[in-house]
Amino acid sequence: MSEFSWGPEVVDEARTEQQQDAAGTVALSADEFSALEERILRAVNLVKRERLARAAAEERATLAETRVAEQVQTAENLQKDTANLQKELDALRAERDQVRQRVERLLSQLDALEA
């Protein structure tokens, strides 16, 4: 069996390559980090705007619901008023018919007196 033994030179060489790669990556990453930072800031601003828009939409929805509830109440009141007015109109028509019948009786009695 053969045994692998790494000498200190090989280990030092590998560390040096890793450090050079890391330094190059850091320089490259600075640009990428800046771009990432800009994208994150844009995303944060977008989320803020969307939250404001959502809050405004919820406020408008609440206001609209309130208006609808008021209009429903108004419509119900109008239906009640219409029903009451219809009853009153029916009562007035019945009273008119009674008055007409009484007047016709009085006129027929006057006609009977003249005859």
N, C-alpha and C. Protein backbone atom coordinates (compact mmCIF):
# COMPACT_ATOMS: atom_id res chain seq x y z
N MET A 1 0.84 -1.17 0.00
CA MET A 1 0.00 0.00 0.00
C MET A 1 0.87 1.21 0.00
N SER A 2 0.41 2.17 -0.75
CA SER A 2 1.19 3.40 -0.75
C SER A 2 0.48 4.41 0.12
N GLU A 3 1.24 5.19 0.74
CA GLU A 3 0.71 6.20 1.65
C GLU A 3 0.93 7.56 1.01
N PHE A 4 -0.14 8.42 1.06
CA PHE A 4 0.00 9.77 0.52
C PHE A 4 0.50 10.67 1.62
N SER A 5 1.54 11.32 1.34
CA SER A 5 1.98 12.31 2.31
C SER A 5 2.19 13.60 1.58
N TRP A 6 1.58 14.61 2.10
CA TRP A 6 1.68 15.93 1.50
C TRP A 6 2.76 16.70 2.24
N GLY A 7 3.61 17.21 1.46
CA GLY A 7 4.68 18.00 2.06
C GLY A 7 4.19 19.39 2.35
N PRO A 8 4.90 20.11 3.21
CA PRO A 8 4.50 21.47 3.54
C PRO A 8 4.49 22.38 2.33
N GLU A 9 5.26 22.09 1.31
CA GLU A 9 5.30 22.95 0.13
C GLU A 9 3.98 22.88 -0.63
N VAL A 10 3.43 21.70 -0.72
CA VAL A 10 2.18 21.52 -1.45
C VAL A 10 1.04 22.23 -0.72
N VAL A 11 1.03 22.11 0.60
CA VAL A 11 -0.01 22.76 1.40
C VAL A 11 0.10 24.26 1.28
N ASP A 12 1.32 24.82 1.36
CA ASP A 12 1.51 26.27 1.24
C ASP A 12 1.12 26.76 -0.13
N GLU A 13 1.43 25.99 -1.16
CA GLU A 13 1.08 26.39 -2.52
C GLU A 13 -0.43 26.43 -2.69
N ALA A 14 -1.13 25.48 -2.15
CA ALA A 14 -2.59 25.43 -2.24
C ALA A 14 -3.20 26.61 -1.50
N ARG A 15 -2.66 26.96 -0.34
CA ARG A 15 -3.17 28.11 0.42
C ARG A 15 -2.94 29.40 -0.35
N THR A 16 -1.80 29.54 -0.97
CA THR A 16 -1.50 30.75 -1.74
C THR A 16 -2.46 30.90 -2.90
N GLU A 17 -2.76 29.80 -3.60
CA GLU A 17 -3.71 29.85 -4.71
C GLU A 17 -5.10 30.23 -4.21
N GLN A 18 -5.51 29.69 -3.08
CA GLN A 18 -6.82 30.02 -2.52
C GLN A 18 -6.89 31.49 -2.15
N GLN A 19 -5.81 32.03 -1.59
CA GLN A 19 -5.81 33.44 -1.21
C GLN A 19 -5.87 34.34 -2.43
N GLN A 20 -5.14 33.96 -3.50
CA GLN A 20 -5.20 34.75 -4.74
C GLN A 20 -6.58 34.69 -5.35
N ASP A 21 -7.18 33.51 -5.35
CA ASP A 21 -8.53 33.37 -5.88
C ASP A 21 -9.50 34.20 -5.04
N ALA A 22 -9.34 34.17 -3.74
CA ALA A 22 -10.22 34.93 -2.86
C ALA A 22 -10.06 36.42 -3.10
N ALA A 23 -8.84 36.90 -3.30
CA ALA A 23 -8.63 38.32 -3.55
C ALA A 23 -9.27 38.73 -4.86
N GLY A 24 -9.15 37.90 -5.89
CA GLY A 24 -9.78 38.19 -7.17
C GLY A 24 -11.28 38.16 -7.06
N THR A 25 -11.80 37.24 -6.29
CA THR A 25 -13.23 37.13 -6.07
C THR A 25 -13.74 38.33 -5.29
N VAL A 26 -12.96 38.79 -4.33
CA VAL A 26 -13.37 39.95 -3.55
C VAL A 26 -13.45 41.18 -4.44
N ALA A 27 -12.49 41.37 -5.34
CA ALA A 27 -12.51 42.52 -6.24
C ALA A 27 -13.70 42.39 -7.19
N LEU A 28 -13.93 41.20 -7.66
CA LEU A 28 -15.07 40.97 -8.53
C LEU A 28 -16.36 41.07 -7.74
N SER A 29 -16.36 40.60 -6.53
CA SER A 29 -17.54 40.63 -5.69
C SER A 29 -17.92 42.03 -5.27
N ALA A 30 -16.97 42.93 -5.21
CA ALA A 30 -17.31 44.31 -4.84
C ALA A 30 -18.27 44.90 -5.85
N ASP A 31 -18.02 44.66 -7.13
CA ASP A 31 -18.94 45.14 -8.17
C ASP A 31 -20.28 44.41 -8.06
N GLU A 32 -20.18 43.10 -7.88
CA GLU A 32 -21.41 42.33 -7.74
C GLU A 32 -22.16 42.74 -6.48
N PHE A 33 -21.43 43.00 -5.41
CA PHE A 33 -22.06 43.42 -4.16
C PHE A 33 -22.75 44.77 -4.35
N SER A 34 -22.10 45.67 -5.08
CA SER A 34 -22.71 46.97 -5.33
C SER A 34 -24.00 46.82 -6.14
N ALA A 35 -23.94 45.95 -7.15
CA ALA A 35 -25.13 45.72 -7.96
C ALA A 35 -26.22 45.06 -7.12
N LEU A 36 -25.81 44.12 -6.27
CA LEU A 36 -26.77 43.45 -5.39
C LEU A 36 -27.38 44.45 -4.42
N GLU A 37 -26.55 45.35 -3.90
CA GLU A 37 -27.04 46.37 -2.98
C GLU A 37 -28.09 47.25 -3.66
N GLU A 38 -27.83 47.63 -4.90
CA GLU A 38 -28.79 48.45 -5.65
C GLU A 38 -30.10 47.69 -5.87
N ARG A 39 -29.98 46.42 -6.21
CA ARG A 39 -31.18 45.61 -6.42
C ARG A 39 -31.98 45.47 -5.13
N ILE A 40 -31.29 45.30 -4.02
CA ILE A 40 -31.98 45.17 -2.74
C ILE A 40 -32.67 46.48 -2.39
N LEU A 41 -31.98 47.61 -2.61
CA LEU A 41 -32.60 48.91 -2.32
C LEU A 41 -33.84 49.13 -3.18
N ARG A 42 -33.74 48.74 -4.46
CA ARG A 42 -34.91 48.86 -5.33
C ARG A 42 -36.04 47.96 -4.85
N ALA A 43 -35.70 46.77 -4.41
CA ALA A 43 -36.71 45.85 -3.90
C ALA A 43 -37.36 46.40 -2.64
N VAL A 44 -36.55 46.97 -1.76
CA VAL A 44 -37.08 47.56 -0.52
C VAL A 44 -38.03 48.71 -0.86
N ASN A 45 -37.62 49.57 -1.80
CA ASN A 45 -38.47 50.69 -2.20
C ASN A 45 -39.76 50.19 -2.85
N LEU A 46 -39.64 49.13 -3.64
CA LEU A 46 -40.83 48.56 -4.26
C LEU A 46 -41.78 48.01 -3.20
N VAL A 47 -41.25 47.32 -2.22
CA VAL A 47 -42.09 46.78 -1.14
C VAL A 47 -42.75 47.92 -0.37
N LYS A 48 -42.01 49.00 -0.10
CA LYS A 48 -42.59 50.15 0.60
C LYS A 48 -43.74 50.74 -0.20
N ARG A 49 -43.52 50.93 -1.51
CA ARG A 49 -44.58 51.50 -2.36
C ARG A 49 -45.79 50.58 -2.40
N GLU A 50 -45.54 49.29 -2.51
CA GLU A 50 -46.64 48.34 -2.56
C GLU A 50 -47.42 48.32 -1.25
N ARG A 51 -46.71 48.43 -0.12
CA ARG A 51 -47.41 48.49 1.17
C ARG A 51 -48.27 49.74 1.27
N LEU A 52 -47.71 50.87 0.81
CA LEU A 52 -48.51 52.11 0.82
C LEU A 52 -49.72 51.97 -0.09
N ALA A 53 -49.50 51.39 -1.26
CA ALA A 53 -50.62 51.21 -2.19
C ALA A 53 -51.66 50.26 -1.60
N ARG A 54 -51.20 49.22 -0.92
CA ARG A 54 -52.14 48.28 -0.30
C ARG A 54 -52.93 48.97 0.81
N ALA A 55 -52.24 49.76 1.63
CA ALA A 55 -52.93 50.47 2.71
C ALA A 55 -53.97 51.44 2.13
N ALA A 56 -53.59 52.13 1.05
CA ALA A 56 -54.54 53.05 0.41
C ALA A 56 -55.72 52.28 -0.17
N ALA A 57 -55.45 51.14 -0.78
CA ALA A 57 -56.53 50.33 -1.35
C ALA A 57 -57.45 49.80 -0.26
N GLU A 58 -56.88 49.38 0.86
CA GLU A 58 -57.71 48.91 1.98
C GLU A 58 -58.55 50.04 2.54
N GLU A 59 -57.99 51.23 2.59
CA GLU A 59 -58.75 52.39 3.08
C GLU A 59 -59.91 52.71 2.13
N ARG A 60 -59.61 52.66 0.81
CA ARG A 60 -60.68 52.91 -0.17
C ARG A 60 -61.75 51.83 -0.08
N ALA A 61 -61.34 50.59 0.13
CA ALA A 61 -62.30 49.49 0.24
C ALA A 61 -63.19 49.67 1.47
N THR A 62 -62.57 50.08 2.57
CA THR A 62 -63.35 50.32 3.80
C THR A 62 -64.35 51.45 3.58
N LEU A 63 -63.88 52.52 2.94
CA LEU A 63 -64.77 53.64 2.65
C LEU A 63 -65.91 53.21 1.73
N ALA A 64 -65.59 52.41 0.72
CA ALA A 64 -66.62 51.93 -0.21
C ALA A 64 -67.62 51.03 0.51
N GLU A 65 -67.13 50.18 1.40
CA GLU A 65 -68.04 49.33 2.17
C GLU A 65 -68.97 50.16 3.04
N THR A 66 -68.43 51.22 3.63
CA THR A 66 -69.25 52.11 4.45
C THR A 66 -70.32 52.77 3.60
N ARG A 67 -69.92 53.24 2.42
CA ARG A 67 -70.89 53.89 1.53
C ARG A 67 -71.97 52.91 1.09
N VAL A 68 -71.57 51.69 0.77
CA VAL A 68 -72.55 50.68 0.34
C VAL A 68 -73.52 50.41 1.48
N ALA A 69 -73.02 50.28 2.69
CA ALA A 69 -73.90 50.03 3.84
C ALA A 69 -74.88 51.18 4.02
N GLU A 70 -74.40 52.41 3.85
CA GLU A 70 -75.29 53.57 3.96
C GLU A 70 -76.35 53.54 2.86
N GLN A 71 -75.93 53.20 1.63
CA GLN A 71 -76.88 53.17 0.52
C GLN A 71 -77.90 52.05 0.70
N VAL A 72 -77.46 50.93 1.24
CA VAL A 72 -78.39 49.82 1.51
C VAL A 72 -79.43 50.28 2.53
N GLN A 73 -78.96 50.97 3.58
CA GLN A 73 -79.89 51.47 4.60
C GLN A 73 -80.86 52.47 3.99
N THR A 74 -80.35 53.35 3.13
CA THR A 74 -81.20 54.33 2.46
C THR A 74 -82.23 53.62 1.59
N ALA A 75 -81.79 52.60 0.85
CA ALA A 75 -82.71 51.86 -0.02
C ALA A 75 -83.79 51.16 0.81
N GLU A 76 -83.38 50.58 1.94
CA GLU A 76 -84.38 49.92 2.81
C GLU A 76 -85.37 50.93 3.34
N ASN A 77 -84.89 52.11 3.73
CA ASN A 77 -85.79 53.17 4.21
C ASN A 77 -86.75 53.61 3.11
N LEU A 78 -86.23 53.72 1.88
CA LEU A 78 -87.09 54.11 0.76
C LEU A 78 -88.15 53.04 0.49
N GLN A 79 -87.77 51.77 0.62
CA GLN A 79 -88.76 50.71 0.44
C GLN A 79 -89.85 50.81 1.49
N LYS A 80 -89.47 51.07 2.74
CA LYS A 80 -90.46 51.21 3.81
C LYS A 80 -91.34 52.42 3.54
N ASP A 81 -90.72 53.53 3.13
CA ASP A 81 -91.49 54.74 2.83
C ASP A 81 -92.45 54.48 1.67
N THR A 82 -91.97 53.77 0.64
CA THR A 82 -92.82 53.46 -0.50
C THR A 82 -94.00 52.60 -0.08
N ALA A 83 -93.73 51.61 0.77
CA ALA A 83 -94.82 50.75 1.25
C ALA A 83 -95.84 51.58 2.05
N ASN A 84 -95.33 52.47 2.90
CA ASN A 84 -96.23 53.33 3.69
C ASN A 84 -97.03 54.26 2.78
N LEU A 85 -96.38 54.82 1.78
CA LEU A 85 -97.07 55.72 0.86
C LEU A 85 -98.13 54.95 0.06
N GLN A 86 -97.82 53.71 -0.33
CA GLN A 86 -98.80 52.91 -1.06
C GLN A 86 -100.02 52.63 -0.19
N LYS A 87 -99.77 52.32 1.09
CA LYS A 87 -100.90 52.09 2.01
C LYS A 87 -101.73 53.36 2.15
N GLU A 88 -101.05 54.49 2.29
CA GLU A 88 -101.76 55.76 2.43
C GLU A 88 -102.56 56.08 1.18
N LEU A 89 -101.96 55.81 0.01
CA LEU A 89 -102.66 56.05 -1.25
C LEU A 89 -103.89 55.15 -1.37
N ASP A 90 -103.75 53.90 -0.98
CA ASP A 90 -104.90 52.99 -1.01
C ASP A 90 -106.00 53.48 -0.07
N ALA A 91 -105.61 53.97 1.11
CA ALA A 91 -106.60 54.48 2.07
C ALA A 91 -107.30 55.71 1.51
N LEU A 92 -106.54 56.59 0.86
CA LEU A 92 -107.14 57.80 0.26
C LEU A 92 -108.09 57.44 -0.88
N ARG A 93 -107.73 56.45 -1.66
CA ARG A 93 -108.63 56.02 -2.74
C ARG A 93 -109.93 55.43 -2.18
N ALA A 94 -109.78 54.66 -1.13
CA ALA A 94 -110.99 54.09 -0.50
C ALA A 94 -111.85 55.20 0.05
N GLU A 95 -111.23 56.18 0.69
CA GLU A 95 -111.99 57.32 1.23
C GLU A 95 -112.67 58.09 0.10
N ARG A 96 -111.98 58.28 -1.02
CA ARG A 96 -112.56 58.98 -2.16
C ARG A 96 -113.78 58.24 -2.69
N ASP A 97 -113.66 56.92 -2.76
CA ASP A 97 -114.80 56.12 -3.23
C ASP A 97 -116.00 56.27 -2.29
N GLN A 98 -115.71 56.30 -0.98
CA GLN A 98 -116.80 56.48 -0.02
C GLN A 98 -117.45 57.85 -0.18
N VAL A 99 -116.62 58.88 -0.36
CA VAL A 99 -117.15 60.24 -0.54
C VAL A 99 -117.96 60.30 -1.83
N ARG A 100 -117.49 59.68 -2.89
CA ARG A 100 -118.21 59.67 -4.16
C ARG A 100 -119.58 59.00 -4.01
N GLN A 101 -119.58 57.89 -3.29
CA GLN A 101 -120.86 57.19 -3.07
C GLN A 101 -121.83 58.06 -2.26
N ARG A 102 -121.29 58.76 -1.24
CA ARG A 102 -122.16 59.63 -0.43
C ARG A 102 -122.69 60.78 -1.25
N VAL A 103 -121.83 61.36 -2.09
CA VAL A 103 -122.26 62.48 -2.94
C VAL A 103 -123.31 61.98 -3.93
N GLU A 104 -123.12 60.82 -4.50
CA GLU A 104 -124.10 60.28 -5.45
C GLU A 104 -125.45 60.03 -4.74
N ARG A 105 -125.41 59.55 -3.50
CA ARG A 105 -126.65 59.36 -2.75
C ARG A 105 -127.34 60.70 -2.50
N LEU A 106 -126.52 61.70 -2.10
CA LEU A 106 -127.11 63.03 -1.87
C LEU A 106 -127.73 63.59 -3.15
N LEU A 107 -127.02 63.41 -4.26
CA LEU A 107 -127.55 63.92 -5.54
C LEU A 107 -128.83 63.18 -5.93
N SER A 108 -128.83 61.89 -5.69
CA SER A 108 -130.05 61.12 -6.03
C SER A 108 -131.21 61.55 -5.12
N GLN A 109 -130.90 61.90 -3.85
CA GLN A 109 -131.96 62.38 -2.95
C GLN A 109 -132.47 63.74 -3.42
N LEU A 110 -131.54 64.61 -3.88
CA LEU A 110 -131.97 65.91 -4.42
C LEU A 110 -132.81 65.73 -5.68
N ASP A 111 -132.41 64.81 -6.52
CA ASP A 111 -133.19 64.53 -7.74
C ASP A 111 -134.58 64.04 -7.36
N ALA A 112 -134.65 63.24 -6.31
CA ALA A 112 -135.93 62.70 -5.87
C ALA A 112 -136.81 63.81 -5.33
N LEU A 113 -136.25 64.83 -4.71
CA LEU A 113 -137.03 65.95 -4.19
C LEU A 113 -137.60 66.80 -5.32
N GLU A 114 -136.90 66.94 -6.39
CA GLU A 114 -137.34 67.75 -7.52
C GLU A 114 -138.42 67.05 -8.34
N ALA A 115 -138.45 65.80 -8.24
CA ALA A 115 -139.42 65.07 -9.04
C ALA A 115 -140.79 65.04 -8.45
